[in-house]
């Protein structure tokens, strides 16, 4: 099926299926296609959209979504569950964060362009055909190959109905680390496209590293089902983990602490460590062990991201520090 032909309102109730959605032509004469799974409940209810592998080196959603699909049957579902386990298929095939076809980062081009490059077209059709008709969106992310991030649920907090619904869904997800961000959401994200359309949305992060840790897959699977219970799509109460860290701050990973020198990075701190202003987070050394740069933080807070790969080039992102809620 071509993506533009998809009409969620015409999917039959009491059905469960998978399909390939064609987005645009490949050089080999075929099409770039996205895998699509859906469950349509017997009765009416909300529409939940779950996205995975918006970055091609993030595998938690690729494993979580089929597991959720396996667990949810039409006869117990109210509403519609729509899921795309691999959004960035070109990057996924190449084991890269961004597309090797056009060099674009899918998580920076929403709401996309129907006449643009393959990445822009993927963003456009996901926005128009899946985000637009949804009542809630969950985008499953992780640190990918290069970044280490604690397993968490994140959302943009705002004092309006959209912000309150996003917050409620994030807390219902049940992760032990919650990260809320002041508006506005940076442009180009699936969440920014959802917010612009008036759809509440949340996202995950996790350790990544080119591997989907079973504990993260379990957390995300339970989290998606928790949100479905919260939305009254399934019977039962969400199974929540105790919140250990409720953090607040800029979630823009495009603007973090970077390195002024090339070399070998070794951190002095661990994820979720409390740090003070001016504290050294790590060093960059040359092959002889000489310190080329000391990496410090200007702001106090909690370490939310660390670079996983030791080898660094000038300008590479190394760390991010965020605040605690109310502090």
C-alpha atoms as a PDB file:
ATOM      1  CA  UNK A   1       0.000   0.000   0.000  1.00  0.00           C
ATOM      2  CA  UNK A   2       1.224   3.513  -0.736  1.00  0.00           C
ATOM      3  CA  UNK A   3       1.397   5.661   2.388  1.00  0.00           C
ATOM      4  CA  UNK A   4      -0.777   8.381   0.866  1.00  0.00           C
ATOM      5  CA  UNK A   5      -3.580   5.845   0.363  1.00  0.00           C
ATOM      6  CA  UNK A   6      -3.762   5.015   4.067  1.00  0.00           C
ATOM      7  CA  UNK A   7      -6.983   6.163   5.748  1.00  0.00           C
ATOM      8  CA  UNK A   8      -7.166   5.257   9.425  1.00  0.00           C
ATOM      9  CA  UNK A   9     -10.900   5.948   9.534  1.00  0.00           C
ATOM     10  CA  UNK A  10     -11.491   3.153   7.028  1.00  0.00           C
ATOM     11  CA  UNK A  11      -9.623   0.407   8.895  1.00  0.00           C
ATOM     12  CA  UNK A  12     -12.123  -2.243   9.934  1.00  0.00           C
ATOM     13  CA  UNK A  13     -13.058  -2.580  13.580  1.00  0.00           C
ATOM     14  CA  UNK A  14     -12.170  -5.829  15.331  1.00  0.00           C
ATOM     15  CA  UNK A  15      -9.073  -6.299  13.182  1.00  0.00           C
ATOM     16  CA  UNK A  16      -5.348  -6.769  13.689  1.00  0.00           C
ATOM     17  CA  UNK A  17      -2.849  -6.676  10.832  1.00  0.00           C
ATOM     18  CA  UNK A  18       0.516  -5.581   9.512  1.00  0.00           C
ATOM     19  CA  UNK A  19       1.457  -3.983   6.213  1.00  0.00           C
ATOM     20  CA  UNK A  20       4.242  -2.201   4.334  1.00  0.00           C
ATOM     21  CA  UNK A  21       3.601   1.454   3.509  1.00  0.00           C
ATOM     22  CA  UNK A  22       5.457   2.711   0.429  1.00  0.00           C
ATOM     23  CA  UNK A  23       6.910   6.215   0.787  1.00  0.00           C
ATOM     24  CA  UNK A  24       9.066   6.800  -2.283  1.00  0.00           C
ATOM     25  CA  UNK A  25      11.172   5.080  -4.953  1.00  0.00           C
ATOM     26  CA  UNK A  26      14.522   3.407  -4.381  1.00  0.00           C
ATOM     27  CA  UNK A  27      17.364   3.437  -6.886  1.00  0.00           C
ATOM     28  CA  UNK A  28      16.916  -0.314  -7.464  1.00  0.00           C
ATOM     29  CA  UNK A  29      13.423   0.198  -8.862  1.00  0.00           C
ATOM     30  CA  UNK A  30      11.590  -0.744  -5.678  1.00  0.00           C
ATOM     31  CA  UNK A  31      10.135   1.482  -2.963  1.00  0.00           C
ATOM     32  CA  UNK A  32      11.227   2.653   0.436  1.00  0.00           C
ATOM     33  CA  UNK A  33       8.586   1.087   2.706  1.00  0.00           C
ATOM     34  CA  UNK A  34       7.803   1.470   6.398  1.00  0.00           C
ATOM     35  CA  UNK A  35       6.448  -1.437   8.483  1.00  0.00           C
ATOM     36  CA  UNK A  36       3.030  -0.674   9.949  1.00  0.00           C
ATOM     37  CA  UNK A  37       1.143  -2.625  12.605  1.00  0.00           C
ATOM     38  CA  UNK A  38      -2.340  -1.815  13.818  1.00  0.00           C
ATOM     39  CA  UNK A  39      -5.001  -3.139  16.139  1.00  0.00           C
ATOM     40  CA  UNK A  40      -8.569  -1.880  15.783  1.00  0.00           C
ATOM     41  CA  UNK A  41     -10.750  -2.476  18.802  1.00  0.00           C
ATOM     42  CA  UNK A  42     -14.269  -3.805  18.779  1.00  0.00           C
ATOM     43  CA  UNK A  43     -15.565  -0.567  20.253  1.00  0.00           C
ATOM     44  CA  UNK A  44     -14.756   3.084  19.656  1.00  0.00           C
ATOM     45  CA  UNK A  45     -12.127   4.866  21.700  1.00  0.00           C
ATOM     46  CA  UNK A  46      -8.916   6.921  21.457  1.00  0.00           C
ATOM     47  CA  UNK A  47      -6.264   6.457  18.777  1.00  0.00           C
ATOM     48  CA  UNK A  48      -2.742   5.885  20.101  1.00  0.00           C
ATOM     49  CA  UNK A  49       0.287   6.170  17.794  1.00  0.00           C
ATOM     50  CA  UNK A  50       3.618   4.587  18.779  1.00  0.00           C
ATOM     51  CA  UNK A  51       6.776   5.286  16.748  1.00  0.00           C
ATOM     52  CA  UNK A  52      10.148   3.528  16.821  1.00  0.00           C
ATOM     53  CA  UNK A  53      13.581   3.941  15.204  1.00  0.00           C
ATOM     54  CA  UNK A  54      13.127   7.545  14.148  1.00  0.00           C
ATOM     55  CA  UNK A  55      16.899   7.337  14.467  1.00  0.00           C
ATOM     56  CA  UNK A  56      18.277   4.297  12.669  1.00  0.00           C
ATOM     57  CA  UNK A  57      20.627   3.230  15.491  1.00  0.00           C
ATOM     58  CA  UNK A  58      17.941   3.059  18.184  1.00  0.00           C
ATOM     59  CA  UNK A  59      16.489  -0.424  18.608  1.00  0.00           C
ATOM     60  CA  UNK A  60      14.248  -0.301  21.658  1.00  0.00           C
ATOM     61  CA  UNK A  61      11.150   0.608  19.649  1.00  0.00           C
ATOM     62  CA  UNK A  62      11.967  -2.006  17.013  1.00  0.00           C
ATOM     63  CA  UNK A  63      11.653  -4.693  19.689  1.00  0.00           C
ATOM     64  CA  UNK A  64       8.990  -3.100  21.903  1.00  0.00           C
ATOM     65  CA  UNK A  65       6.357  -2.465  19.245  1.00  0.00           C
ATOM     66  CA  UNK A  66       5.990  -6.079  18.000  1.00  0.00           C
ATOM     67  CA  UNK A  67       5.765  -7.191  21.640  1.00  0.00           C
ATOM     68  CA  UNK A  68       2.944  -4.712  22.318  1.00  0.00           C
ATOM     69  CA  UNK A  69       1.283  -5.870  19.095  1.00  0.00           C
ATOM     70  CA  UNK A  70       1.497  -9.479  20.290  1.00  0.00           C
ATOM     71  CA  UNK A  71      -0.122  -8.650  23.625  1.00  0.00           C
ATOM     72  CA  UNK A  72      -3.075  -6.515  22.471  1.00  0.00           C
ATOM     73  CA  UNK A  73      -6.133  -8.196  20.971  1.00  0.00           C
ATOM     74  CA  UNK A  74      -9.022  -6.385  19.230  1.00  0.00           C
ATOM     75  CA  UNK A  75     -11.653  -7.883  21.513  1.00  0.00           C
ATOM     76  CA  UNK A  76     -10.176  -6.191  24.623  1.00  0.00           C
ATOM     77  CA  UNK A  77      -9.271  -2.909  22.948  1.00  0.00           C
ATOM     78  CA  UNK A  78     -11.295   0.301  22.821  1.00  0.00           C
ATOM     79  CA  UNK A  79     -10.115   2.525  20.006  1.00  0.00           C
ATOM     80  CA  UNK A  80      -7.130   2.099  17.679  1.00  0.00           C
ATOM     81  CA  UNK A  81      -3.472   1.246  18.233  1.00  0.00           C
ATOM     82  CA  UNK A  82      -1.201   2.366  15.379  1.00  0.00           C
ATOM     83  CA  UNK A  83       2.519   1.524  15.397  1.00  0.00           C
ATOM     84  CA  UNK A  84       5.573   1.974  13.164  1.00  0.00           C
ATOM     85  CA  UNK A  85       8.541   0.037  14.583  1.00  0.00           C
ATOM     86  CA  UNK A  86      11.042   1.424  12.050  1.00  0.00           C
ATOM     87  CA  UNK A  87      10.379   4.970  10.854  1.00  0.00           C
ATOM     88  CA  UNK A  88      13.822   5.752   9.473  1.00  0.00           C
ATOM     89  CA  UNK A  89      14.269   2.683   7.282  1.00  0.00           C
ATOM     90  CA  UNK A  90      17.194   4.079   5.215  1.00  0.00           C
ATOM     91  CA  UNK A  91      19.183   4.872   8.373  1.00  0.00           C
ATOM     92  CA  UNK A  92      18.155   1.583  10.017  1.00  0.00           C
ATOM     93  CA  UNK A  93      19.449  -0.429   7.072  1.00  0.00           C
ATOM     94  CA  UNK A  94      22.795   1.378   7.261  1.00  0.00           C
ATOM     95  CA  UNK A  95      23.040   1.248  11.108  1.00  0.00           C
ATOM     96  CA  UNK A  96      23.227   5.051  11.230  1.00  0.00           C
ATOM     97  CA  UNK A  97      21.459   7.773  13.192  1.00  0.00           C
ATOM     98  CA  UNK A  98      20.582   9.765  10.069  1.00  0.00           C
ATOM     99  CA  UNK A  99      19.759   8.765   6.504  1.00  0.00           C
ATOM    100  CA  UNK A 100      22.674   7.842   4.221  1.00  0.00           C
ATOM    101  CA  UNK A 101      20.478   8.762   1.256  1.00  0.00           C
ATOM    102  CA  UNK A 102      20.058  12.496   1.903  1.00  0.00           C
ATOM    103  CA  UNK A 103      22.097  12.998   5.099  1.00  0.00           C
ATOM    104  CA  UNK A 104      19.051  14.266   7.008  1.00  0.00           C
ATOM    105  CA  UNK A 105      18.048  13.538  10.595  1.00  0.00           C
ATOM    106  CA  UNK A 106      14.405  12.428  10.543  1.00  0.00           C
ATOM    107  CA  UNK A 107      13.899  13.843  14.045  1.00  0.00           C
ATOM    108  CA  UNK A 108      14.703  17.332  12.739  1.00  0.00           C
ATOM    109  CA  UNK A 109      12.548  17.574   9.586  1.00  0.00           C
ATOM    110  CA  UNK A 110       8.942  17.114  10.810  1.00  0.00           C
ATOM    111  CA  UNK A 111       6.328  17.932   9.555  1.00  0.00           C
ATOM    112  CA  UNK A 112       8.180  17.107   6.340  1.00  0.00           C
ATOM    113  CA  UNK A 113       7.593  17.736   2.651  1.00  0.00           C
ATOM    114  CA  UNK A 114       5.648  15.486   0.240  1.00  0.00           C
ATOM    115  CA  UNK A 115       7.925  16.565  -2.619  1.00  0.00           C
ATOM    116  CA  UNK A 116      11.197  16.532  -0.700  1.00  0.00           C
ATOM    117  CA  UNK A 117      13.910  13.962  -0.133  1.00  0.00           C
ATOM    118  CA  UNK A 118      13.106  10.527   1.253  1.00  0.00           C
ATOM    119  CA  UNK A 119      13.562  11.663   4.877  1.00  0.00           C
ATOM    120  CA  UNK A 120      11.292  14.660   4.355  1.00  0.00           C
ATOM    121  CA  UNK A 121       8.672  12.459   2.704  1.00  0.00           C
ATOM    122  CA  UNK A 122       8.741   9.955   5.564  1.00  0.00           C
ATOM    123  CA  UNK A 123       8.184  12.811   8.037  1.00  0.00           C
ATOM    124  CA  UNK A 124       5.369  14.243   5.934  1.00  0.00           C
ATOM    125  CA  UNK A 125       3.366  11.036   5.584  1.00  0.00           C
ATOM    126  CA  UNK A 126       3.827  10.063   9.229  1.00  0.00           C
ATOM    127  CA  UNK A 127       2.578  13.526  10.189  1.00  0.00           C
ATOM    128  CA  UNK A 128      -0.390  13.594   7.833  1.00  0.00           C
ATOM    129  CA  UNK A 129      -1.549   9.994   7.995  1.00  0.00           C
ATOM    130  CA  UNK A 130      -0.659   8.936  11.542  1.00  0.00           C
ATOM    131  CA  UNK A 131       0.027  11.874  13.876  1.00  0.00           C
ATOM    132  CA  UNK A 132      -2.854  14.012  12.622  1.00  0.00           C
ATOM    133  CA  UNK A 133      -5.624  11.456  13.346  1.00  0.00           C
ATOM    134  CA  UNK A 134      -4.066  10.370  16.662  1.00  0.00           C
ATOM    135  CA  UNK A 135      -5.269  11.322  20.129  1.00  0.00           C
ATOM    136  CA  UNK A 136      -1.900  10.594  21.745  1.00  0.00           C
ATOM    137  CA  UNK A 137       1.643   9.934  20.467  1.00  0.00           C
ATOM    138  CA  UNK A 138       4.547   7.999  22.008  1.00  0.00           C
ATOM    139  CA  UNK A 139       7.950   8.237  20.277  1.00  0.00           C
ATOM    140  CA  UNK A 140      10.384   5.563  21.507  1.00  0.00           C
ATOM    141  CA  UNK A 141      13.961   6.885  21.478  1.00  0.00           C
ATOM    142  CA  UNK A 142      17.285   6.000  23.109  1.00  0.00           C
ATOM    143  CA  UNK A 143      20.859   7.274  23.105  1.00  0.00           C
ATOM    144  CA  UNK A 144      21.690   5.294  19.998  1.00  0.00           C
ATOM    145  CA  UNK A 145      25.273   4.210  19.419  1.00  0.00           C
ATOM    146  CA  UNK A 146      27.038   7.337  20.694  1.00  0.00           C
ATOM    147  CA  UNK A 147      25.096   8.634  23.723  1.00  0.00           C
ATOM    148  CA  UNK A 148      24.367   7.104  27.119  1.00  0.00           C
ATOM    149  CA  UNK A 149      21.089   8.291  28.657  1.00  0.00           C
ATOM    150  CA  UNK A 150      19.115   6.860  31.585  1.00  0.00           C
ATOM    151  CA  UNK A 151      15.827   5.155  30.784  1.00  0.00           C
ATOM    152  CA  UNK A 152      13.238   7.905  31.090  1.00  0.00           C
ATOM    153  CA  UNK A 153      10.001   9.389  29.885  1.00  0.00           C
ATOM    154  CA  UNK A 154      10.006  12.972  28.640  1.00  0.00           C
ATOM    155  CA  UNK A 155       7.456  15.599  27.643  1.00  0.00           C
ATOM    156  CA  UNK A 156       6.965  19.326  27.156  1.00  0.00           C
ATOM    157  CA  UNK A 157       5.223  20.896  30.125  1.00  0.00           C
ATOM    158  CA  UNK A 158       2.851  23.781  29.491  1.00  0.00           C
ATOM    159  CA  UNK A 159      -0.002  25.248  31.485  1.00  0.00           C
ATOM    160  CA  UNK A 160      -2.759  24.345  29.070  1.00  0.00           C
ATOM    161  CA  UNK A 161      -4.918  21.330  28.304  1.00  0.00           C
ATOM    162  CA  UNK A 162      -2.376  19.897  25.850  1.00  0.00           C
ATOM    163  CA  UNK A 163       0.430  20.186  28.382  1.00  0.00           C
ATOM    164  CA  UNK A 164      -1.648  18.651  31.155  1.00  0.00           C
ATOM    165  CA  UNK A 165      -2.621  15.692  28.971  1.00  0.00           C
ATOM    166  CA  UNK A 166       1.001  15.127  27.959  1.00  0.00           C
ATOM    167  CA  UNK A 167       2.108  15.266  31.589  1.00  0.00           C
ATOM    168  CA  UNK A 168      -0.612  12.848  32.696  1.00  0.00           C
ATOM    169  CA  UNK A 169       0.388  10.400  29.967  1.00  0.00           C
ATOM    170  CA  UNK A 170       4.063  10.678  30.879  1.00  0.00           C
ATOM    171  CA  UNK A 171       3.379   9.925  34.533  1.00  0.00           C
ATOM    172  CA  UNK A 172       1.101   7.033  33.539  1.00  0.00           C
ATOM    173  CA  UNK A 173       3.910   5.560  31.422  1.00  0.00           C
ATOM    174  CA  UNK A 174       5.506   4.585  34.718  1.00  0.00           C
ATOM    175  CA  UNK A 175       9.252   5.163  34.237  1.00  0.00           C
ATOM    176  CA  UNK A 176      11.421   5.905  37.266  1.00  0.00           C
ATOM    177  CA  UNK A 177      13.006   8.969  35.637  1.00  0.00           C
ATOM    178  CA  UNK A 178      10.718  11.750  34.366  1.00  0.00           C
ATOM    179  CA  UNK A 179      12.146  14.669  32.384  1.00  0.00           C
ATOM    180  CA  UNK A 180       9.918  17.630  31.632  1.00  0.00           C
ATOM    181  CA  UNK A 181      10.855  20.531  29.381  1.00  0.00           C
ATOM    182  CA  UNK A 182       9.686  24.129  29.276  1.00  0.00           C
ATOM    183  CA  UNK A 183       8.039  25.159  26.026  1.00  0.00           C
ATOM    184  CA  UNK A 184       8.537  25.616  23.206  1.00  0.00           C
ATOM    185  CA  UNK A 185       9.481  22.217  21.878  1.00  0.00           C
ATOM    186  CA  UNK A 186      12.376  22.647  19.391  1.00  0.00           C
ATOM    187  CA  UNK A 187      11.107  22.378  15.797  1.00  0.00           C
ATOM    188  CA  UNK A 188      11.461  19.378  13.525  1.00  0.00           C
ATOM    189  CA  UNK A 189      10.577  16.675  16.036  1.00  0.00           C
ATOM    190  CA  UNK A 190       7.689  14.241  15.876  1.00  0.00           C
ATOM    191  CA  UNK A 191       6.561  15.771  19.187  1.00  0.00           C
ATOM    192  CA  UNK A 192       6.672  19.309  17.802  1.00  0.00           C
ATOM    193  CA  UNK A 193       4.558  18.174  14.843  1.00  0.00           C
ATOM    194  CA  UNK A 194       2.105  16.553  17.265  1.00  0.00           C
ATOM    195  CA  UNK A 195       1.937  19.625  19.506  1.00  0.00           C
ATOM    196  CA  UNK A 196       1.362  21.887  16.495  1.00  0.00           C
ATOM    197  CA  UNK A 197      -1.602  19.648  15.601  1.00  0.00           C
ATOM    198  CA  UNK A 198      -2.947  19.751  19.155  1.00  0.00           C
ATOM    199  CA  UNK A 199      -2.024  16.121  19.913  1.00  0.00           C
ATOM    200  CA  UNK A 200      -0.458  15.341  23.326  1.00  0.00           C
ATOM    201  CA  UNK A 201       2.839  13.498  22.992  1.00  0.00           C
ATOM    202  CA  UNK A 202       5.636  11.950  25.051  1.00  0.00           C
ATOM    203  CA  UNK A 203       8.960  10.329  24.269  1.00  0.00           C
ATOM    204  CA  UNK A 204      11.406   7.894  25.818  1.00  0.00           C
ATOM    205  CA  UNK A 205      15.170   7.712  26.162  1.00  0.00           C
ATOM    206  CA  UNK A 206      17.337   4.773  27.187  1.00  0.00           C
ATOM    207  CA  UNK A 207      20.916   3.579  27.315  1.00  0.00           C
ATOM    208  CA  UNK A 208      21.094   2.361  23.743  1.00  0.00           C
ATOM    209  CA  UNK A 209      24.636   1.598  22.661  1.00  0.00           C
ATOM    210  CA  UNK A 210      23.593  -0.310  19.554  1.00  0.00           C
ATOM    211  CA  UNK A 211      21.756  -2.838  21.712  1.00  0.00           C
ATOM    212  CA  UNK A 212      18.202  -3.013  23.037  1.00  0.00           C
ATOM    213  CA  UNK A 213      18.588  -3.942  26.698  1.00  0.00           C
ATOM    214  CA  UNK A 214      15.839  -6.354  27.818  1.00  0.00           C
ATOM    215  CA  UNK A 215      15.103  -4.178  30.851  1.00  0.00           C
ATOM    216  CA  UNK A 216      14.436  -1.186  28.585  1.00  0.00           C
ATOM    217  CA  UNK A 217      12.250  -3.211  26.233  1.00  0.00           C
ATOM    218  CA  UNK A 218      10.292  -4.449  29.250  1.00  0.00           C
ATOM    219  CA  UNK A 219       9.962  -0.899  30.638  1.00  0.00           C
ATOM    220  CA  UNK A 220       8.810   0.480  27.291  1.00  0.00           C
ATOM    221  CA  UNK A 221       6.387  -2.374  26.660  1.00  0.00           C
ATOM    222  CA  UNK A 222       4.804  -1.916  30.072  1.00  0.00           C
ATOM    223  CA  UNK A 223       4.848   1.852  29.545  1.00  0.00           C
ATOM    224  CA  UNK A 224       2.924   1.736  26.273  1.00  0.00           C
ATOM    225  CA  UNK A 225       0.339  -0.590  27.796  1.00  0.00           C
ATOM    226  CA  UNK A 226       0.170   1.678  30.856  1.00  0.00           C
ATOM    227  CA  UNK A 227      -0.674   4.639  28.630  1.00  0.00           C
ATOM    228  CA  UNK A 228      -3.371   2.575  26.931  1.00  0.00           C
ATOM    229  CA  UNK A 229      -4.896   1.850  30.341  1.00  0.00           C
ATOM    230  CA  UNK A 230      -4.598   5.524  31.256  1.00  0.00           C
ATOM    231  CA  UNK A 231      -6.483   6.442  28.059  1.00  0.00           C
ATOM    232  CA  UNK A 232      -9.152   3.835  28.894  1.00  0.00           C
ATOM    233  CA  UNK A 233      -8.237   1.803  25.815  1.00  0.00           C
ATOM    234  CA  UNK A 234      -7.611  -1.250  28.018  1.00  0.00           C
ATOM    235  CA  UNK A 235      -9.022  -2.323  31.354  1.00  0.00           C
ATOM    236  CA  UNK A 236      -6.847  -2.136  34.449  1.00  0.00           C
ATOM    237  CA  UNK A 237      -4.572   0.310  36.207  1.00  0.00           C
ATOM    238  CA  UNK A 238      -1.063   1.324  35.052  1.00  0.00           C
ATOM    239  CA  UNK A 239       1.821  -0.562  36.676  1.00  0.00           C
ATOM    240  CA  UNK A 240       4.049   2.269  37.871  1.00  0.00           C
ATOM    241  CA  UNK A 241       7.676   2.303  38.988  1.00  0.00           C
ATOM    242  CA  UNK A 242       8.520   4.645  41.871  1.00  0.00           C
ATOM    243  CA  UNK A 243       9.840   7.950  40.521  1.00  0.00           C
ATOM    244  CA  UNK A 244      13.476   8.353  41.590  1.00  0.00           C
ATOM    245  CA  UNK A 245      14.255  11.483  39.566  1.00  0.00           C
ATOM    246  CA  UNK A 246      11.809  14.156  38.407  1.00  0.00           C
ATOM    247  CA  UNK A 247      13.939  16.452  36.274  1.00  0.00           C
ATOM    248  CA  UNK A 248      13.219  19.727  34.543  1.00  0.00           C
ATOM    249  CA  UNK A 249      15.212  21.515  31.893  1.00  0.00           C
ATOM    250  CA  UNK A 250      16.058  21.947  28.242  1.00  0.00           C
ATOM    251  CA  UNK A 251      15.847  18.590  26.503  1.00  0.00           C
ATOM    252  CA  UNK A 252      17.475  19.837  23.302  1.00  0.00           C
ATOM    253  CA  UNK A 253      20.330  17.400  22.675  1.00  0.00           C
ATOM    254  CA  UNK A 254      21.546  19.612  19.819  1.00  0.00           C
ATOM    255  CA  UNK A 255      22.774  22.109  22.408  1.00  0.00           C
ATOM    256  CA  UNK A 256      24.922  20.342  25.013  1.00  0.00           C
ATOM    257  CA  UNK A 257      28.479  20.446  26.368  1.00  0.00           C
ATOM    258  CA  UNK A 258      30.881  19.772  23.490  1.00  0.00           C
ATOM    259  CA  UNK A 259      34.625  19.276  23.224  1.00  0.00           C
ATOM    260  CA  UNK A 260      37.052  22.002  22.126  1.00  0.00           C
ATOM    261  CA  UNK A 261      39.729  19.381  21.450  1.00  0.00           C
ATOM    262  CA  UNK A 262      40.062  16.056  19.662  1.00  0.00           C
ATOM    263  CA  UNK A 263      41.314  12.965  21.435  1.00  0.00           C
ATOM    264  CA  UNK A 264      40.130  10.392  23.972  1.00  0.00           C
ATOM    265  CA  UNK A 265      37.289  11.349  26.304  1.00  0.00           C
ATOM    266  CA  UNK A 266      36.985   9.834  29.759  1.00  0.00           C
ATOM    267  CA  UNK A 267      34.181  11.009  32.032  1.00  0.00           C
ATOM    268  CA  UNK A 268      34.664  11.584  35.748  1.00  0.00           C
ATOM    269  CA  UNK A 269      30.955  11.324  36.486  1.00  0.00           C
ATOM    270  CA  UNK A 270      28.116   8.864  35.941  1.00  0.00           C
ATOM    271  CA  UNK A 271      24.562   9.264  34.702  1.00  0.00           C
ATOM    272  CA  UNK A 272      22.207  10.886  37.216  1.00  0.00           C
ATOM    273  CA  UNK A 273      25.105  12.187  39.327  1.00  0.00           C
ATOM    274  CA  UNK A 274      24.496  15.545  41.000  1.00  0.00           C
ATOM    275  CA  UNK A 275      27.123  18.068  39.867  1.00  0.00           C
ATOM    276  CA  UNK A 276      27.947  21.639  40.861  1.00  0.00           C
ATOM    277  CA  UNK A 277      28.709  24.653  38.682  1.00  0.00           C
ATOM    278  CA  UNK A 278      32.291  24.549  37.458  1.00  0.00           C
ATOM    279  CA  UNK A 279      32.735  20.868  38.301  1.00  0.00           C
ATOM    280  CA  UNK A 280      34.924  18.804  35.995  1.00  0.00           C
ATOM    281  CA  UNK A 281      32.929  16.199  34.114  1.00  0.00           C
ATOM    282  CA  UNK A 282      35.856  14.576  32.344  1.00  0.00           C
ATOM    283  CA  UNK A 283      38.954  15.065  30.257  1.00  0.00           C
ATOM    284  CA  UNK A 284      40.031  14.786  26.648  1.00  0.00           C
ATOM    285  CA  UNK A 285      43.575  13.400  26.280  1.00  0.00           C
ATOM    286  CA  UNK A 286      45.972  12.822  23.412  1.00  0.00           C
ATOM    287  CA  UNK A 287      47.463   9.366  22.608  1.00  0.00           C
ATOM    288  CA  UNK A 288      50.296  10.039  25.088  1.00  0.00           C
ATOM    289  CA  UNK A 289      47.881  10.692  27.944  1.00  0.00           C
ATOM    290  CA  UNK A 290      48.359  14.468  27.995  1.00  0.00           C
ATOM    291  CA  UNK A 291      45.222  16.377  28.961  1.00  0.00           C
ATOM    292  CA  UNK A 292      44.124  18.442  25.966  1.00  0.00           C
ATOM    293  CA  UNK A 293      40.931  19.770  27.569  1.00  0.00           C
ATOM    294  CA  UNK A 294      39.086  19.616  30.868  1.00  0.00           C
ATOM    295  CA  UNK A 295      35.334  19.418  30.349  1.00  0.00           C
ATOM    296  CA  UNK A 296      33.332  21.339  32.946  1.00  0.00           C
ATOM    297  CA  UNK A 297      29.734  22.345  33.473  1.00  0.00           C
ATOM    298  CA  UNK A 298      28.628  25.949  33.838  1.00  0.00           C
ATOM    299  CA  UNK A 299      25.415  24.940  35.583  1.00  0.00           C
ATOM    300  CA  UNK A 300      24.644  22.744  38.587  1.00  0.00           C
ATOM    301  CA  UNK A 301      22.241  19.879  38.130  1.00  0.00           C
ATOM    302  CA  UNK A 302      21.956  16.223  37.195  1.00  0.00           C
ATOM    303  CA  UNK A 303      23.971  14.466  34.492  1.00  0.00           C
ATOM    304  CA  UNK A 304      21.393  13.277  31.947  1.00  0.00           C
ATOM    305  CA  UNK A 305      23.655  12.364  29.004  1.00  0.00           C
ATOM    306  CA  UNK A 306      27.244  11.218  28.506  1.00  0.00           C
ATOM    307  CA  UNK A 307      29.084  10.354  25.322  1.00  0.00           C
ATOM    308  CA  UNK A 308      29.571   6.601  25.074  1.00  0.00           C
ATOM    309  CA  UNK A 309      32.330   6.493  22.431  1.00  0.00           C
ATOM    310  CA  UNK A 310      35.734   7.545  23.782  1.00  0.00           C
ATOM    311  CA  UNK A 311      37.192   8.815  20.493  1.00  0.00           C
ATOM    312  CA  UNK A 312      36.102  12.396  19.936  1.00  0.00           C
ATOM    313  CA  UNK A 313      36.533  15.073  17.305  1.00  0.00           C
ATOM    314  CA  UNK A 314      36.361  18.819  17.873  1.00  0.00           C
ATOM    315  CA  UNK A 315      32.759  19.849  18.498  1.00  0.00           C
ATOM    316  CA  UNK A 316      31.445  16.404  19.417  1.00  0.00           C
ATOM    317  CA  UNK A 317      28.761  16.379  22.115  1.00  0.00           C
ATOM    318  CA  UNK A 318      30.044  15.007  25.411  1.00  0.00           C
ATOM    319  CA  UNK A 319      27.538  15.638  28.197  1.00  0.00           C
ATOM    320  CA  UNK A 320      24.322  17.336  29.230  1.00  0.00           C
ATOM    321  CA  UNK A 321      23.309  18.583  32.661  1.00  0.00           C
ATOM    322  CA  UNK A 322      19.703  19.335  33.583  1.00  0.00           C
ATOM    323  CA  UNK A 323      17.895  20.537  36.699  1.00  0.00           C
ATOM    324  CA  UNK A 324      15.656  18.835  39.201  1.00  0.00           C
ATOM    325  CA  UNK A 325      12.009  19.829  39.347  1.00  0.00           C
ATOM    326  CA  UNK A 326      11.769  22.946  41.458  1.00  0.00           C
ATOM    327  CA  UNK A 327      15.510  23.328  41.719  1.00  0.00           C
END
